[in-house]
Amino acid sequence: MKDKTMKKKLDGNSFLLVVTIALFFAMYIIGIIMFGDRGFAKVQNFLNLFISNAGLIVVATGMTIVMITGGIDISVGSVVAWCV
């Protein structure tokens, strides 16, 4: 007899994370197809996406955690815009 609790399903938060990661890689692959002859397919260029956007990644991760836990904090956008 199979236990239904053993079957793992994607809840709303996990689904959004999977969609975000899939869109990131899809857009990167499209960029490789369109701009591969200009050096877009290099590994260093892929790593530069994370290096140059490190501050935005930290803020986006923090805001994601705030929204998942049910809170809201709209002041982050204004502080980031003021500091950049």
PDB file of N, CA and C in Angstrom:
ATOM      1  N   MET A   1       0.832  -1.174   0.000  1.00  0.00           N
ATOM      2  CA  MET A   1       0.000   0.000   0.000  1.00  0.00           C
ATOM      3  C   MET A   1       0.883   1.247   0.000  1.00  0.00           C
ATOM      4  N   LYS A   2       0.642   2.119  -0.942  1.00  0.00           N
ATOM      5  CA  LYS A   2       1.460   3.316  -1.080  1.00  0.00           C
ATOM      6  C   LYS A   2       0.969   4.401  -0.134  1.00  0.00           C
ATOM      7  N   ASP A   3       1.922   5.065   0.456  1.00  0.00           N
ATOM      8  CA  ASP A   3       1.609   6.160   1.364  1.00  0.00           C
ATOM      9  C   ASP A   3       1.558   7.462   0.570  1.00  0.00           C
ATOM     10  N   LYS A   4       0.471   8.185   0.648  1.00  0.00           N
ATOM     11  CA  LYS A   4       0.304   9.413  -0.120  1.00  0.00           C
ATOM     12  C   LYS A   4       1.168  10.543   0.414  1.00  0.00           C
ATOM     13  N   THR A   5       1.619  10.441   1.653  1.00  0.00           N
ATOM     14  CA  THR A   5       2.463  11.500   2.201  1.00  0.00           C
ATOM     15  C   THR A   5       3.880  11.424   1.643  1.00  0.00           C
ATOM     16  N   MET A   6       4.271  10.315   1.082  1.00  0.00           N
ATOM     17  CA  MET A   6       5.604  10.155   0.521  1.00  0.00           C
ATOM     18  C   MET A   6       5.744  10.891  -0.808  1.00  0.00           C
ATOM     19  N   LYS A   7       4.646  11.152  -1.448  1.00  0.00           N
ATOM     20  CA  LYS A   7       4.669  11.818  -2.740  1.00  0.00           C
ATOM     21  C   LYS A   7       4.894  13.312  -2.521  1.00  0.00           C
ATOM     22  N   LYS A   8       5.980  13.818  -3.097  1.00  0.00           N
ATOM     23  CA  LYS A   8       6.312  15.228  -2.896  1.00  0.00           C
ATOM     24  C   LYS A   8       5.724  16.062  -4.028  1.00  0.00           C
ATOM     25  N   LYS A   9       5.034  17.106  -3.639  1.00  0.00           N
ATOM     26  CA  LYS A   9       4.455  18.025  -4.602  1.00  0.00           C
ATOM     27  C   LYS A   9       5.097  19.387  -4.429  1.00  0.00           C
ATOM     28  N   LEU A  10       5.059  20.157  -5.487  1.00  0.00           N
ATOM     29  CA  LEU A  10       5.555  21.520  -5.404  1.00  0.00           C
ATOM     30  C   LEU A  10       4.477  22.411  -4.820  1.00  0.00           C
ATOM     31  N   ASP A  11       4.793  23.046  -3.701  1.00  0.00           N
ATOM     32  CA  ASP A  11       3.847  24.023  -3.165  1.00  0.00           C
ATOM     33  C   ASP A  11       4.087  25.351  -3.883  1.00  0.00           C
ATOM     34  N   GLY A  12       3.379  26.380  -3.507  1.00  0.00           N
ATOM     35  CA  GLY A  12       3.455  27.657  -4.204  1.00  0.00           C
ATOM     36  C   GLY A  12       4.840  28.269  -4.196  1.00  0.00           C
ATOM     37  N   ASN A  13       5.519  28.241  -3.065  1.00  0.00           N
ATOM     38  CA  ASN A  13       6.842  28.848  -2.958  1.00  0.00           C
ATOM     39  C   ASN A  13       7.886  28.084  -3.759  1.00  0.00           C
ATOM     40  N   SER A  14       7.851  26.768  -3.685  1.00  0.00           N
ATOM     41  CA  SER A  14       8.806  25.960  -4.432  1.00  0.00           C
ATOM     42  C   SER A  14       8.575  26.100  -5.929  1.00  0.00           C
ATOM     43  N   PHE A  15       7.316  26.179  -6.330  1.00  0.00           N
ATOM     44  CA  PHE A  15       6.988  26.338  -7.746  1.00  0.00           C
ATOM     45  C   PHE A  15       7.538  27.653  -8.282  1.00  0.00           C
ATOM     46  N   LEU A  16       7.386  28.748  -7.522  1.00  0.00           N
ATOM     47  CA  LEU A  16       7.903  30.035  -7.959  1.00  0.00           C
ATOM     48  C   LEU A  16       9.425  30.028  -8.058  1.00  0.00           C
ATOM     49  N   LEU A  17      10.090  29.341  -7.148  1.00  0.00           N
ATOM     50  CA  LEU A  17      11.536  29.240  -7.200  1.00  0.00           C
ATOM     51  C   LEU A  17      11.981  28.478  -8.441  1.00  0.00           C
ATOM     52  N   VAL A  18      11.314  27.373  -8.736  1.00  0.00           N
ATOM     53  CA  VAL A  18      11.645  26.579  -9.921  1.00  0.00           C
ATOM     54  C   VAL A  18      11.412  27.392 -11.190  1.00  0.00           C
ATOM     55  N   VAL A  19      10.314  28.121 -11.250  1.00  0.00           N
ATOM     56  CA  VAL A  19      10.017  28.948 -12.424  1.00  0.00           C
ATOM     57  C   VAL A  19      11.076  30.039 -12.587  1.00  0.00           C
ATOM     58  N   THR A  20      11.487  30.667 -11.499  1.00  0.00           N
ATOM     59  CA  THR A  20      12.504  31.722 -11.561  1.00  0.00           C
ATOM     60  C   THR A  20      13.829  31.183 -12.072  1.00  0.00           C
ATOM     61  N   ILE A  21      14.256  30.048 -11.550  1.00  0.00           N
ATOM     62  CA  ILE A  21      15.522  29.449 -11.993  1.00  0.00           C
ATOM     63  C   ILE A  21      15.430  29.022 -13.448  1.00  0.00           C
ATOM     64  N   ALA A  22      14.307  28.441 -13.847  1.00  0.00           N
ATOM     65  CA  ALA A  22      14.132  28.015 -15.238  1.00  0.00           C
ATOM     66  C   ALA A  22      14.153  29.214 -16.187  1.00  0.00           C
ATOM     67  N   LEU A  23      13.496  30.311 -15.812  1.00  0.00           N
ATOM     68  CA  LEU A  23      13.515  31.509 -16.651  1.00  0.00           C
ATOM     69  C   LEU A  23      14.912  32.116 -16.743  1.00  0.00           C
ATOM     70  N   PHE A  24      15.655  32.093 -15.655  1.00  0.00           N
ATOM     71  CA  PHE A  24      17.023  32.611 -15.676  1.00  0.00           C
ATOM     72  C   PHE A  24      17.867  31.844 -16.683  1.00  0.00           C
ATOM     73  N   PHE A  25      17.821  30.518 -16.619  1.00  0.00           N
ATOM     74  CA  PHE A  25      18.622  29.718 -17.540  1.00  0.00           C
ATOM     75  C   PHE A  25      18.096  29.811 -18.969  1.00  0.00           C
ATOM     76  N   ALA A  26      16.780  29.920 -19.147  1.00  0.00           N
ATOM     77  CA  ALA A  26      16.229  30.077 -20.499  1.00  0.00           C
ATOM     78  C   ALA A  26      16.697  31.389 -21.115  1.00  0.00           C
ATOM     79  N   MET A  27      16.679  32.460 -20.327  1.00  0.00           N
ATOM     80  CA  MET A  27      17.131  33.756 -20.849  1.00  0.00           C
ATOM     81  C   MET A  27      18.628  33.737 -21.130  1.00  0.00           C
ATOM     82  N   TYR A  28      19.403  33.032 -20.316  1.00  0.00           N
ATOM     83  CA  TYR A  28      20.841  32.929 -20.562  1.00  0.00           C
ATOM     84  C   TYR A  28      21.115  32.143 -21.839  1.00  0.00           C
ATOM     85  N   ILE A  29      20.377  31.075 -22.054  1.00  0.00           N
ATOM     86  CA  ILE A  29      20.545  30.283 -23.274  1.00  0.00           C
ATOM     87  C   ILE A  29      20.158  31.098 -24.501  1.00  0.00           C
ATOM     88  N   ILE A  30      19.091  31.879 -24.409  1.00  0.00           N
ATOM     89  CA  ILE A  30      18.710  32.756 -25.518  1.00  0.00           C
ATOM     90  C   ILE A  30      19.810  33.786 -25.777  1.00  0.00           C
ATOM     91  N   GLY A  31      20.414  34.303 -24.722  1.00  0.00           N
ATOM     92  CA  GLY A  31      21.528  35.236 -24.874  1.00  0.00           C
ATOM     93  C   GLY A  31      22.722  34.590 -25.549  1.00  0.00           C
ATOM     94  N   ILE A  32      22.996  33.324 -25.216  1.00  0.00           N
ATOM     95  CA  ILE A  32      24.088  32.608 -25.866  1.00  0.00           C
ATOM     96  C   ILE A  32      23.805  32.448 -27.356  1.00  0.00           C
ATOM     97  N   ILE A  33      22.553  32.121 -27.679  1.00  0.00           N
ATOM     98  CA  ILE A  33      22.197  31.945 -29.094  1.00  0.00           C
ATOM     99  C   ILE A  33      22.318  33.267 -29.851  1.00  0.00           C
ATOM    100  N   MET A  34      21.852  34.343 -29.249  1.00  0.00           N
ATOM    101  CA  MET A  34      21.854  35.635 -29.943  1.00  0.00           C
ATOM    102  C   MET A  34      23.231  36.305 -29.953  1.00  0.00           C
ATOM    103  N   PHE A  35      23.987  36.208 -28.866  1.00  0.00           N
ATOM    104  CA  PHE A  35      25.240  36.941 -28.734  1.00  0.00           C
ATOM    105  C   PHE A  35      26.438  36.034 -28.476  1.00  0.00           C
ATOM    106  N   GLY A  36      26.354  34.766 -28.827  1.00  0.00           N
ATOM    107  CA  GLY A  36      27.447  33.827 -28.590  1.00  0.00           C
ATOM    108  C   GLY A  36      28.710  34.174 -29.340  1.00  0.00           C
ATOM    109  N   ASP A  37      28.569  34.765 -30.524  1.00  0.00           N
ATOM    110  CA  ASP A  37      29.744  35.121 -31.307  1.00  0.00           C
ATOM    111  C   ASP A  37      30.497  36.319 -30.723  1.00  0.00           C
ATOM    112  N   ARG A  38      29.901  37.022 -29.790  1.00  0.00           N
ATOM    113  CA  ARG A  38      30.541  38.178 -29.147  1.00  0.00           C
ATOM    114  C   ARG A  38      31.105  37.833 -27.769  1.00  0.00           C
ATOM    115  N   GLY A  39      31.184  36.571 -27.431  1.00  0.00           N
ATOM    116  CA  GLY A  39      31.789  36.153 -26.173  1.00  0.00           C
ATOM    117  C   GLY A  39      30.813  35.964 -25.032  1.00  0.00           C
ATOM    118  N   PHE A  40      29.521  35.945 -25.319  1.00  0.00           N
ATOM    119  CA  PHE A  40      28.529  35.810 -24.246  1.00  0.00           C
ATOM    120  C   PHE A  40      28.538  34.416 -23.635  1.00  0.00           C
ATOM    121  N   ALA A  41      29.030  33.426 -24.365  1.00  0.00           N
ATOM    122  CA  ALA A  41      28.987  32.044 -23.887  1.00  0.00           C
ATOM    123  C   ALA A  41      30.147  31.676 -22.969  1.00  0.00           C
ATOM    124  N   LYS A  42      31.034  32.622 -22.683  1.00  0.00           N
ATOM    125  CA  LYS A  42      32.168  32.327 -21.808  1.00  0.00           C
ATOM    126  C   LYS A  42      31.702  32.124 -20.369  1.00  0.00           C
ATOM    127  N   VAL A  43      32.414  31.275 -19.656  1.00  0.00           N
ATOM    128  CA  VAL A  43      32.065  30.971 -18.261  1.00  0.00           C
ATOM    129  C   VAL A  43      32.199  32.218 -17.392  1.00  0.00           C
ATOM    130  N   GLN A  44      33.221  33.026 -17.646  1.00  0.00           N
ATOM    131  CA  GLN A  44      33.434  34.228 -16.842  1.00  0.00           C
ATOM    132  C   GLN A  44      32.265  35.202 -16.990  1.00  0.00           C
ATOM    133  N   ASN A  45      31.689  35.261 -18.166  1.00  0.00           N
ATOM    134  CA  ASN A  45      30.535  36.133 -18.366  1.00  0.00           C
ATOM    135  C   ASN A  45      29.345  35.653 -17.539  1.00  0.00           C
ATOM    136  N   PHE A  46      29.154  34.342 -17.440  1.00  0.00           N
ATOM    137  CA  PHE A  46      28.089  33.786 -16.604  1.00  0.00           C
ATOM    138  C   PHE A  46      28.314  34.151 -15.145  1.00  0.00           C
ATOM    139  N   LEU A  47      29.559  34.049 -14.684  1.00  0.00           N
ATOM    140  CA  LEU A  47      29.872  34.393 -13.298  1.00  0.00           C
ATOM    141  C   LEU A  47      29.728  35.892 -13.053  1.00  0.00           C
ATOM    142  N   ASN A  48      29.996  36.705 -14.062  1.00  0.00           N
ATOM    143  CA  ASN A  48      29.844  38.155 -13.919  1.00  0.00           C
ATOM    144  C   ASN A  48      28.392  38.551 -13.684  1.00  0.00           C
ATOM    145  N   LEU A  49      27.446  37.744 -14.153  1.00  0.00           N
ATOM    146  CA  LEU A  49      26.040  38.027 -13.883  1.00  0.00           C
ATOM    147  C   LEU A  49      25.765  38.039 -12.381  1.00  0.00           C
ATOM    148  N   PHE A  50      26.455  37.173 -11.653  1.00  0.00           N
ATOM    149  CA  PHE A  50      26.265  37.111 -10.203  1.00  0.00           C
ATOM    150  C   PHE A  50      27.138  38.125  -9.474  1.00  0.00           C
ATOM    151  N   ILE A  51      28.339  38.383 -10.007  1.00  0.00           N
ATOM    152  CA  ILE A  51      29.253  39.307  -9.339  1.00  0.00           C
ATOM    153  C   ILE A  51      28.723  40.734  -9.416  1.00  0.00           C
ATOM    154  N   SER A  52      28.319  41.165 -10.596  1.00  0.00           N
ATOM    155  CA  SER A  52      27.904  42.553 -10.763  1.00  0.00           C
ATOM    156  C   SER A  52      26.530  42.827 -10.164  1.00  0.00           C
ATOM    157  N   ASN A  53      25.759  41.806  -9.937  1.00  0.00           N
ATOM    158  CA  ASN A  53      24.426  41.981  -9.371  1.00  0.00           C
ATOM    159  C   ASN A  53      24.323  41.420  -7.958  1.00  0.00           C
ATOM    160  N   ALA A  54      25.450  41.307  -7.264  1.00  0.00           N
ATOM    161  CA  ALA A  54      25.456  40.688  -5.942  1.00  0.00           C
ATOM    162  C   ALA A  54      24.575  41.441  -4.955  1.00  0.00           C
ATOM    163  N   GLY A  55      24.618  42.763  -4.990  1.00  0.00           N
ATOM    164  CA  GLY A  55      23.787  43.545  -4.077  1.00  0.00           C
ATOM    165  C   GLY A  55      22.309  43.342  -4.340  1.00  0.00           C
ATOM    166  N   LEU A  56      21.938  43.305  -5.615  1.00  0.00           N
ATOM    167  CA  LEU A  56      20.534  43.066  -5.955  1.00  0.00           C
ATOM    168  C   LEU A  56      20.089  41.660  -5.577  1.00  0.00           C
ATOM    169  N   ILE A  57      20.989  40.700  -5.706  1.00  0.00           N
ATOM    170  CA  ILE A  57      20.647  39.316  -5.336  1.00  0.00           C
ATOM    171  C   ILE A  57      20.389  39.232  -3.835  1.00  0.00           C
ATOM    172  N   VAL A  58      21.210  39.909  -3.037  1.00  0.00           N
ATOM    173  CA  VAL A  58      21.018  39.893  -1.580  1.00  0.00           C
ATOM    174  C   VAL A  58      19.687  40.541  -1.207  1.00  0.00           C
ATOM    175  N   VAL A  59      19.392  41.693  -1.803  1.00  0.00           N
ATOM    176  CA  VAL A  59      18.135  42.387  -1.505  1.00  0.00           C
ATOM    177  C   VAL A  59      16.940  41.557  -1.965  1.00  0.00           C
ATOM    178  N   ALA A  60      17.026  40.973  -3.158  1.00  0.00           N
ATOM    179  CA  ALA A  60      15.915  40.167  -3.675  1.00  0.00           C
ATOM    180  C   ALA A  60      15.688  38.927  -2.818  1.00  0.00           C
ATOM    181  N   THR A  61      16.766  38.307  -2.349  1.00  0.00           N
ATOM    182  CA  THR A  61      16.619  37.136  -1.479  1.00  0.00           C
ATOM    183  C   THR A  61      15.965  37.532  -0.159  1.00  0.00           C
ATOM    184  N   GLY A  62      16.405  38.633   0.410  1.00  0.00           N
ATOM    185  CA  GLY A  62      15.802  39.104   1.661  1.00  0.00           C
ATOM    186  C   GLY A  62      14.333  39.442   1.500  1.00  0.00           C
ATOM    187  N   MET A  63      13.982  40.116   0.418  1.00  0.00           N
ATOM    188  CA  MET A  63      12.573  40.457   0.175  1.00  0.00           C
ATOM    189  C   MET A  63      11.730  39.215  -0.070  1.00  0.00           C
ATOM    190  N   THR A  64      12.318  38.214  -0.740  1.00  0.00           N
ATOM    191  CA  THR A  64      11.603  36.961  -0.959  1.00  0.00           C
ATOM    192  C   THR A  64      11.287  36.281   0.363  1.00  0.00           C
ATOM    193  N   ILE A  65      12.256  36.255   1.262  1.00  0.00           N
ATOM    194  CA  ILE A  65      12.025  35.642   2.575  1.00  0.00           C
ATOM    195  C   ILE A  65      10.956  36.414   3.345  1.00  0.00           C
ATOM    196  N   VAL A  66      10.993  37.743   3.263  1.00  0.00           N
ATOM    197  CA  VAL A  66       9.975  38.557   3.944  1.00  0.00           C
ATOM    198  C   VAL A  66       8.585  38.242   3.392  1.00  0.00           C
ATOM    199  N   MET A  67       8.464  38.135   2.073  1.00  0.00           N
ATOM    200  CA  MET A  67       7.150  37.864   1.477  1.00  0.00           C
ATOM    201  C   MET A  67       6.672  36.444   1.762  1.00  0.00           C
ATOM    202  N   ILE A  68       7.585  35.475   1.791  1.00  0.00           N
ATOM    203  CA  ILE A  68       7.199  34.094   2.078  1.00  0.00           C
ATOM    204  C   ILE A  68       6.677  33.972   3.500  1.00  0.00           C
ATOM    205  N   THR A  69       7.299  34.689   4.424  1.00  0.00           N
ATOM    206  CA  THR A  69       6.854  34.605   5.819  1.00  0.00           C
ATOM    207  C   THR A  69       5.594  35.409   6.082  1.00  0.00           C
ATOM    208  N   GLY A  70       5.106  36.118   5.079  1.00  0.00           N
ATOM    209  CA  GLY A  70       3.840  36.824   5.228  1.00  0.00           C
ATOM    210  C   GLY A  70       3.966  38.277   5.597  1.00  0.00           C
ATOM    211  N   GLY A  71       5.173  38.769   5.660  1.00  0.00           N
ATOM    212  CA  GLY A  71       5.375  40.171   5.999  1.00  0.00           C
ATOM    213  C   GLY A  71       5.441  41.030   4.746  1.00  0.00           C
ATOM    214  N   ILE A  72       5.556  42.320   4.954  1.00  0.00           N
ATOM    215  CA  ILE A  72       5.720  43.241   3.839  1.00  0.00           C
ATOM    216  C   ILE A  72       6.627  44.363   4.295  1.00  0.00           C
ATOM    217  N   ASP A  73       7.543  44.731   3.423  1.00  0.00           N
ATOM    218  CA  ASP A  73       8.485  45.799   3.736  1.00  0.00           C
ATOM    219  C   ASP A  73       8.785  46.527   2.436  1.00  0.00           C
ATOM    220  N   ILE A  74       8.156  47.685   2.246  1.00  0.00           N
ATOM    221  CA  ILE A  74       8.324  48.412   0.999  1.00  0.00           C
ATOM    222  C   ILE A  74       9.425  49.454   1.073  1.00  0.00           C
ATOM    223  N   SER A  75      10.075  49.580   2.208  1.00  0.00           N
ATOM    224  CA  SER A  75      11.119  50.593   2.341  1.00  0.00           C
ATOM    225  C   SER A  75      12.425  50.172   1.689  1.00  0.00           C
ATOM    226  N   VAL A  76      12.601  48.901   1.408  1.00  0.00           N
ATOM    227  CA  VAL A  76      13.873  48.409   0.863  1.00  0.00           C
ATOM    228  C   VAL A  76      14.148  49.010  -0.506  1.00  0.00           C
ATOM    229  N   GLY A  77      13.140  49.106  -1.339  1.00  0.00           N
ATOM    230  CA  GLY A  77      13.329  49.662  -2.676  1.00  0.00           C
ATOM    231  C   GLY A  77      13.815  51.087  -2.643  1.00  0.00           C
ATOM    232  N   SER A  78      13.277  51.890  -1.755  1.00  0.00           N
ATOM    233  CA  SER A  78      13.713  53.284  -1.672  1.00  0.00           C
ATOM    234  C   SER A  78      15.129  53.395  -1.120  1.00  0.00           C
ATOM    235  N   VAL A  79      15.491  52.552  -0.182  1.00  0.00           N
ATOM    236  CA  VAL A  79      16.853  52.592   0.372  1.00  0.00           C
ATOM    237  C   VAL A  79      17.860  52.153  -0.679  1.00  0.00           C
ATOM    238  N   VAL A  80      17.547  51.118  -1.426  1.00  0.00           N
ATOM    239  CA  VAL A  80      18.457  50.661  -2.488  1.00  0.00           C
ATOM    240  C   VAL A  80      18.614  51.740  -3.549  1.00  0.00           C
ATOM    241  N   ALA A  81      17.526  52.366  -3.958  1.00  0.00           N
ATOM    242  CA  ALA A  81      17.595  53.420  -4.962  1.00  0.00           C
ATOM    243  C   ALA A  81      18.395  54.619  -4.438  1.00  0.00           C
ATOM    244  N   TRP A  82      18.289  54.906  -3.168  1.00  0.00           N
ATOM    245  CA  TRP A  82      19.005  56.029  -2.584  1.00  0.00           C
ATOM    246  C   TRP A  82      20.504  55.741  -2.487  1.00  0.00           C
ATOM    247  N   CYS A  83      20.871  54.496  -2.195  1.00  0.00           N
ATOM    248  CA  CYS A  83      22.282  54.124  -2.022  1.00  0.00           C
ATOM    249  C   CYS A  83      23.007  53.911  -3.342  1.00  0.00           C
ATOM    250  N   VAL A  84      22.299  53.532  -4.374  1.00  0.00           N
ATOM    251  CA  VAL A  84      22.944  53.253  -5.662  1.00  0.00           C
ATOM    252  C   VAL A  84      23.088  54.521  -6.389  1.00  0.00           C
TER     253      VAL A  84
END
